[in-house]
Amino acid sequence: WYRRPLRESGPILDMPVPSSFNDVSQDGQLRNFIGWVWYEREAALPQRWTQDLGTRVVLRIGSAHYYAIVWVNGVHVAEHEGGHLPFEADISKLVQSGPLSSCRITIAINNTLTPHTLPPGTILYKTDTSKYPKGYFVQNINFDFFNYAGLHRPVLLYTTPTAYIDDITVTTGVDQSTGEGSWQDLLSAGPRVALLPVWKDPSGKRLSSIS
């Protein structure tokens, strides 16, 4: 990955992922930077992913502090606020639309603190247009906190069939000496498929099916 500022004319830095972009050098400007940075990388794709229309291709971002906008091959695919949870986007149509062997992943991240991410301290907007561009602000962090920012967990490409289990909820209980369990699945896309879950004990012995 490399990290670049909003303007193309700015510096371009090789950037490990996962990491905090503002904690990988001794550059004071980079360490104290608040605003937009951009990550970009070209990812090679297996031929099966791009040609098999029965394959669903997913881009998963494990953590982006704190607000992120994501493009694949220049097409907007996702936005997310909050750096501590993962998010993902189905990019099948973008990588299966032609004879592609790679895709370009671009992630813009803004590490400005807000009440929706972390307590922001105070934000002071500079209104003197003779000194500052429109909308310019400084953020005063008057508490014991360092604004670690960047892609803090892995960025992954993975696949599933077009019909896949999106989520399973298992509810357990006890009726006197008998264990009980019920389940509910969320099956996404494709035809409805009958599922028969089976419980096993730690040794692998099959127990009664759950309802």
Protein backbone atom coordinates (compact mmCIF):
# COMPACT_ATOMS: atom_id res chain seq x y z
CA TRP A 1 0.00 0.00 0.00
CA TYR A 2 1.03 3.60 -0.35
CA ARG A 3 -0.43 6.58 1.43
CA ARG A 4 -0.89 9.98 -0.18
CA PRO A 5 -2.54 13.27 0.85
CA LEU A 6 -5.61 14.71 -0.84
CA ARG A 7 -3.67 16.55 -3.54
CA GLU A 8 -1.81 14.50 -6.16
CA SER A 9 1.17 16.87 -5.89
CA GLY A 10 1.81 15.91 -2.26
CA PRO A 11 4.24 13.27 -0.99
CA ILE A 12 3.62 9.57 -1.61
CA LEU A 13 4.78 7.16 1.07
CA ASP A 14 5.02 3.38 1.14
CA MET A 15 2.76 2.38 4.02
CA PRO A 16 2.48 -0.99 5.80
CA VAL A 17 -1.03 -2.28 6.43
CA PRO A 18 -2.11 -2.77 9.14
CA SER A 19 -0.45 0.18 10.88
CA SER A 20 -1.02 3.76 12.00
CA PHE A 21 0.21 6.08 9.24
CA ASN A 22 1.02 8.78 11.80
CA ASP A 23 3.18 6.48 13.92
CA VAL A 24 5.62 5.08 11.36
CA SER A 25 8.11 7.94 11.11
CA GLN A 26 9.68 10.80 13.06
CA ASP A 27 8.12 13.42 10.78
CA GLY A 28 6.25 15.82 13.08
CA GLN A 29 3.90 16.99 10.34
CA LEU A 30 2.85 13.42 9.56
CA ARG A 31 2.52 12.48 13.24
CA ASN A 32 0.24 15.43 13.98
CA PHE A 33 -1.69 15.35 10.70
CA ILE A 34 -5.49 15.59 10.90
CA GLY A 35 -7.60 15.30 7.75
CA TRP A 36 -7.83 13.16 4.62
CA VAL A 37 -5.21 10.65 3.52
CA TRP A 38 -5.49 8.15 0.69
CA TYR A 39 -4.37 4.53 0.45
CA GLU A 40 -4.11 2.77 -2.90
CA ARG A 41 -2.99 -0.63 -4.11
CA GLU A 42 -3.32 -2.81 -7.18
CA ALA A 43 -4.38 -6.35 -6.23
CA ALA A 44 -3.91 -9.40 -8.45
CA LEU A 45 -7.01 -11.56 -8.91
CA PRO A 46 -7.20 -15.32 -9.57
CA GLN A 47 -8.73 -16.08 -12.97
CA ARG A 48 -11.53 -18.11 -11.37
CA TRP A 49 -12.69 -15.05 -9.41
CA THR A 50 -13.09 -12.92 -12.51
CA GLN A 51 -14.64 -15.52 -14.83
CA ASP A 52 -16.89 -17.67 -12.62
CA LEU A 53 -20.19 -15.82 -12.27
CA GLY A 54 -21.14 -18.26 -9.52
CA THR A 55 -18.44 -16.72 -7.33
CA ARG A 56 -19.10 -13.71 -5.11
CA VAL A 57 -16.03 -11.46 -4.59
CA VAL A 58 -15.93 -9.39 -1.39
CA LEU A 59 -13.63 -6.60 -0.21
CA ARG A 60 -13.35 -6.49 3.60
CA ILE A 61 -11.73 -3.63 5.54
CA GLY A 62 -10.97 -4.71 9.09
CA SER A 63 -10.58 -1.21 10.56
CA ALA A 64 -10.28 2.33 9.16
CA HIS A 65 -9.92 5.18 11.65
CA TYR A 66 -12.27 7.00 11.62
CA TYR A 67 -14.23 7.76 8.45
CA ALA A 68 -13.55 5.92 5.21
CA ILE A 69 -14.65 6.09 1.56
CA VAL A 70 -13.75 3.16 -0.69
CA TRP A 71 -13.43 2.85 -4.47
CA VAL A 72 -12.62 -0.17 -6.64
CA ASN A 73 -11.36 0.61 -10.15
CA GLY A 74 -12.53 4.18 -9.59
CA VAL A 75 -16.10 3.16 -8.66
CA HIS A 76 -17.46 4.12 -5.23
CA VAL A 77 -18.37 0.94 -3.32
CA ALA A 78 -18.61 1.82 0.39
CA GLU A 79 -18.50 4.44 3.14
CA HIS A 80 -18.10 3.79 6.84
CA GLU A 81 -17.82 5.80 10.04
CA GLY A 82 -16.25 4.37 13.18
CA GLY A 83 -12.80 2.87 13.20
CA HIS A 84 -13.30 -0.08 15.50
CA LEU A 85 -15.59 -2.31 13.43
CA PRO A 86 -15.03 -4.05 10.07
CA PHE A 87 -17.08 -3.40 6.95
CA GLU A 88 -17.20 -4.92 3.50
CA ALA A 89 -18.53 -4.52 -0.04
CA ASP A 90 -19.56 -6.99 -2.74
CA ILE A 91 -17.36 -6.08 -5.74
CA SER A 92 -18.27 -9.04 -7.98
CA LYS A 93 -19.79 -6.95 -10.79
CA LEU A 94 -16.75 -4.68 -10.91
CA VAL A 95 -14.17 -7.44 -11.26
CA GLN A 96 -16.30 -9.74 -13.45
CA SER A 97 -17.28 -7.09 -16.01
CA GLY A 98 -14.38 -7.71 -18.38
CA PRO A 99 -11.04 -9.46 -18.92
CA LEU A 100 -9.48 -8.24 -15.65
CA SER A 101 -6.47 -9.75 -13.89
CA SER A 102 -6.24 -7.11 -11.13
CA CYS A 103 -8.24 -4.40 -9.41
CA ARG A 104 -7.27 -1.03 -7.97
CA ILE A 105 -8.40 -0.48 -4.39
CA THR A 106 -8.51 3.12 -3.15
CA ILE A 107 -9.42 4.04 0.43
CA ALA A 108 -9.71 7.64 1.63
CA ILE A 109 -9.55 8.01 5.42
CA ASN A 110 -10.27 11.04 7.60
CA ASN A 111 -8.99 10.85 11.18
CA THR A 112 -10.85 13.92 12.47
CA LEU A 113 -12.43 13.06 15.81
CA THR A 114 -16.17 13.59 16.14
CA PRO A 115 -18.80 12.83 18.79
CA HIS A 116 -19.69 9.75 16.68
CA THR A 117 -16.15 8.32 16.80
CA LEU A 118 -14.22 9.56 19.83
CA PRO A 119 -14.56 12.71 21.98
CA PRO A 120 -13.12 15.41 19.71
CA GLY A 121 -11.82 17.99 22.17
CA THR A 122 -12.54 21.34 20.54
CA ILE A 123 -12.55 22.31 16.87
CA LEU A 124 -11.71 25.92 16.02
CA TYR A 125 -12.61 27.12 12.52
CA LYS A 126 -10.33 29.81 11.08
CA THR A 127 -12.46 32.44 9.36
CA ASP A 128 -9.73 34.85 8.21
CA THR A 129 -9.79 34.10 4.47
CA SER A 130 -6.63 36.14 3.93
CA LYS A 131 -4.71 33.51 5.90
CA TYR A 132 -6.73 30.29 5.66
CA PRO A 133 -8.73 28.47 2.94
CA LYS A 134 -12.49 28.07 3.36
CA GLY A 135 -13.42 25.48 5.97
CA TYR A 136 -9.92 25.34 7.52
CA PHE A 137 -9.88 24.28 11.18
CA VAL A 138 -7.55 23.17 13.93
CA GLN A 139 -8.40 20.54 16.49
CA ASN A 140 -7.30 20.94 20.10
CA ILE A 141 -6.92 17.62 21.89
CA ASN A 142 -6.59 18.71 25.48
CA PHE A 143 -6.66 15.25 27.02
CA ASP A 144 -4.41 12.21 27.31
CA PHE A 145 -4.92 10.72 23.87
CA PHE A 146 -2.93 10.13 20.69
CA ASN A 147 -4.92 10.03 17.48
CA TYR A 148 -3.70 6.75 16.02
CA ALA A 149 -5.06 6.73 12.49
CA GLY A 150 -5.00 4.61 9.36
CA LEU A 151 -5.84 1.06 8.34
CA HIS A 152 -5.44 -0.72 11.66
CA ARG A 153 -6.50 -4.20 10.61
CA PRO A 154 -6.02 -6.23 7.41
CA VAL A 155 -7.69 -5.40 4.11
CA LEU A 156 -8.82 -8.66 2.49
CA LEU A 157 -10.36 -9.99 -0.70
CA TYR A 158 -12.31 -13.23 -0.29
CA THR A 159 -14.99 -15.20 -2.09
CA THR A 160 -18.20 -17.10 -1.36
CA PRO A 161 -20.72 -18.83 -3.62
CA THR A 162 -23.49 -16.51 -4.81
CA ALA A 163 -25.81 -18.36 -2.40
CA TYR A 164 -24.21 -18.11 1.02
CA ILE A 165 -25.01 -18.05 4.73
CA ASP A 166 -24.76 -14.45 5.88
CA ASP A 167 -25.48 -15.08 9.56
CA ILE A 168 -26.59 -17.79 11.99
CA THR A 169 -28.22 -17.16 15.37
CA VAL A 170 -28.24 -20.04 17.87
CA THR A 171 -30.36 -19.81 21.03
CA THR A 172 -29.74 -22.32 23.80
CA GLY A 173 -31.60 -23.24 26.97
CA VAL A 174 -32.14 -25.99 29.55
CA ASP A 175 -35.34 -27.85 30.43
CA GLN A 176 -34.52 -29.65 33.70
CA SER A 177 -31.71 -32.03 32.63
CA THR A 178 -32.25 -31.65 28.89
CA GLY A 179 -30.40 -29.11 26.79
CA GLU A 180 -32.42 -27.28 24.17
CA GLY A 181 -31.42 -25.27 21.15
CA SER A 182 -33.00 -23.39 18.27
CA TRP A 183 -31.41 -21.66 15.34
CA GLN A 184 -32.19 -19.15 12.63
CA ASP A 185 -30.14 -18.57 9.50
CA LEU A 186 -29.95 -15.65 7.14
CA LEU A 187 -29.34 -17.00 3.64
CA SER A 188 -28.44 -14.36 1.08
CA ALA A 189 -28.94 -14.53 -2.69
CA GLY A 190 -29.53 -17.60 -4.81
CA PRO A 191 -32.29 -20.22 -4.42
CA ARG A 192 -33.58 -21.21 -1.02
CA VAL A 193 -31.55 -24.09 0.35
CA ALA A 194 -32.66 -26.50 3.09
CA LEU A 195 -30.16 -26.58 5.95
CA LEU A 196 -29.95 -29.29 8.61
CA PRO A 197 -27.65 -28.24 11.47
CA VAL A 198 -26.09 -30.87 13.71
CA TRP A 199 -24.66 -30.46 17.20
CA LYS A 200 -21.60 -32.43 18.28
CA ASP A 201 -19.89 -32.73 21.63
CA PRO A 202 -16.18 -31.85 22.09
CA SER A 203 -15.17 -35.41 21.14
CA GLY A 204 -17.06 -35.17 17.83
CA LYS A 205 -19.94 -37.42 18.88
CA ARG A 206 -23.19 -36.39 17.20
CA LEU A 207 -25.96 -35.18 19.47
CA SER A 208 -29.59 -34.54 18.61
CA SER A 209 -30.28 -32.13 15.77
CA ILE A 210 -31.37 -28.67 16.80
CA SER A 211 -34.77 -27.43 15.78
